Protein backbone atom coordinates (compact mmCIF):
# COMPACT_ATOMS: atom_id res chain seq x y z
CA MET A 1 101.33 105.45 112.09
CA ASN A 2 104.50 107.44 112.08
CA ILE A 3 106.33 107.81 115.24
CA THR A 4 108.57 110.87 115.45
CA GLU A 5 112.15 110.98 116.84
CA SER A 6 111.06 112.88 119.82
CA GLN A 7 108.37 110.33 120.47
CA LYS A 8 110.84 107.46 120.16
CA HIS A 9 113.04 109.20 122.72
CA ALA A 10 110.02 109.40 125.17
CA ILE A 11 109.09 105.72 124.37
CA SER A 12 112.57 104.53 124.79
CA GLU A 13 112.92 106.50 128.38
CA LYS A 14 109.56 105.18 129.55
CA LEU A 15 110.35 101.55 128.60
CA ASN A 16 113.83 101.65 130.34
CA ARG A 17 112.37 103.17 133.46
CA ALA A 18 109.59 100.78 133.70
CA ILE A 19 111.80 97.70 133.08
CA GLU A 20 113.85 98.89 135.89
CA ALA A 21 111.01 100.04 138.21
CA GLU A 22 109.05 96.70 137.69
CA HIS A 23 112.26 94.52 138.00
CA ILE A 24 111.15 92.75 134.72
CA MET A 25 113.08 90.82 132.31
CA LEU A 26 112.85 91.69 128.61
CA THR A 27 111.25 88.35 127.67
CA GLU A 28 108.51 88.82 130.05
CA ALA A 29 107.97 92.57 129.03
CA ALA A 30 107.70 91.56 125.46
CA ARG A 31 105.31 89.01 126.28
CA ASN A 32 103.10 91.35 128.18
CA LEU A 33 103.29 93.92 125.44
CA GLY A 34 102.67 91.62 122.58
CA THR A 35 105.91 91.99 120.70
CA SER A 36 109.37 90.63 120.53
CA SER A 37 112.05 90.90 122.92
CA ASN A 38 114.62 91.59 120.10
CA TYR A 39 112.34 94.67 119.32
CA LEU A 40 112.25 95.91 122.89
CA SER A 41 116.10 95.48 123.05
CA MET A 42 116.46 97.84 119.96
CA ILE A 43 114.02 100.34 121.24
CA ARG A 44 115.98 100.65 124.50
CA TYR A 45 119.04 101.79 122.46
CA PRO A 46 118.82 104.76 119.93
CA LYS A 47 121.76 103.38 117.57
CA GLN A 48 119.40 100.27 117.11
CA TRP A 49 116.21 102.14 116.28
CA PRO A 50 116.40 101.87 112.54
CA ARG A 51 116.54 98.04 112.85
CA CYS A 52 113.31 98.00 114.77
CA ALA A 53 110.20 96.89 112.92
CA LYS A 54 107.29 99.31 112.78
CA SER A 55 105.11 96.86 114.63
CA GLY A 56 107.58 96.75 117.53
CA TRP A 57 107.36 100.55 117.81
CA GLU A 58 103.54 100.49 117.64
CA ALA A 59 103.18 97.84 120.43
CA VAL A 60 105.40 99.87 122.77
CA TYR A 61 103.68 103.21 121.74
CA GLN A 62 100.27 101.66 122.63
CA TRP A 63 101.52 100.50 125.90
CA ALA A 64 103.37 104.01 126.66
CA ASN A 65 100.08 105.84 126.07
CA SER A 66 98.05 103.63 128.28
CA GLY A 67 99.38 104.68 131.58
CA GLN A 68 99.58 101.19 132.79
CA LYS A 69 102.73 99.30 134.19
CA ILE A 70 103.95 96.63 131.84
CA ARG A 71 102.52 93.83 133.94
CA GLU A 72 99.17 95.49 134.11
CA TYR A 73 99.03 96.04 130.39
CA SER A 74 99.07 92.18 129.38
CA THR A 75 96.05 91.79 131.75
CA ALA A 76 93.89 94.73 130.37
CA HIS A 77 94.56 93.67 126.64
CA GLY A 78 94.23 90.04 126.90
CA ARG A 79 97.83 89.09 126.32
């Protein structure tokens, strides 16, 4: 799966808004999304995007398209 730059911007914005709205720490968000907190940190800041592994982007992409809150996502997907 290739994620475009515009999709990356949308994913990053959605992740930032969700973390703020749910008052959730990166470690908990990462656990719920099934990825590393380092990847989430990279996704939040565009200058870090080239360093983020494809698996990190794919995990957050799946969540972003699910329409669920971060905390709900882990329950629905067995994480």
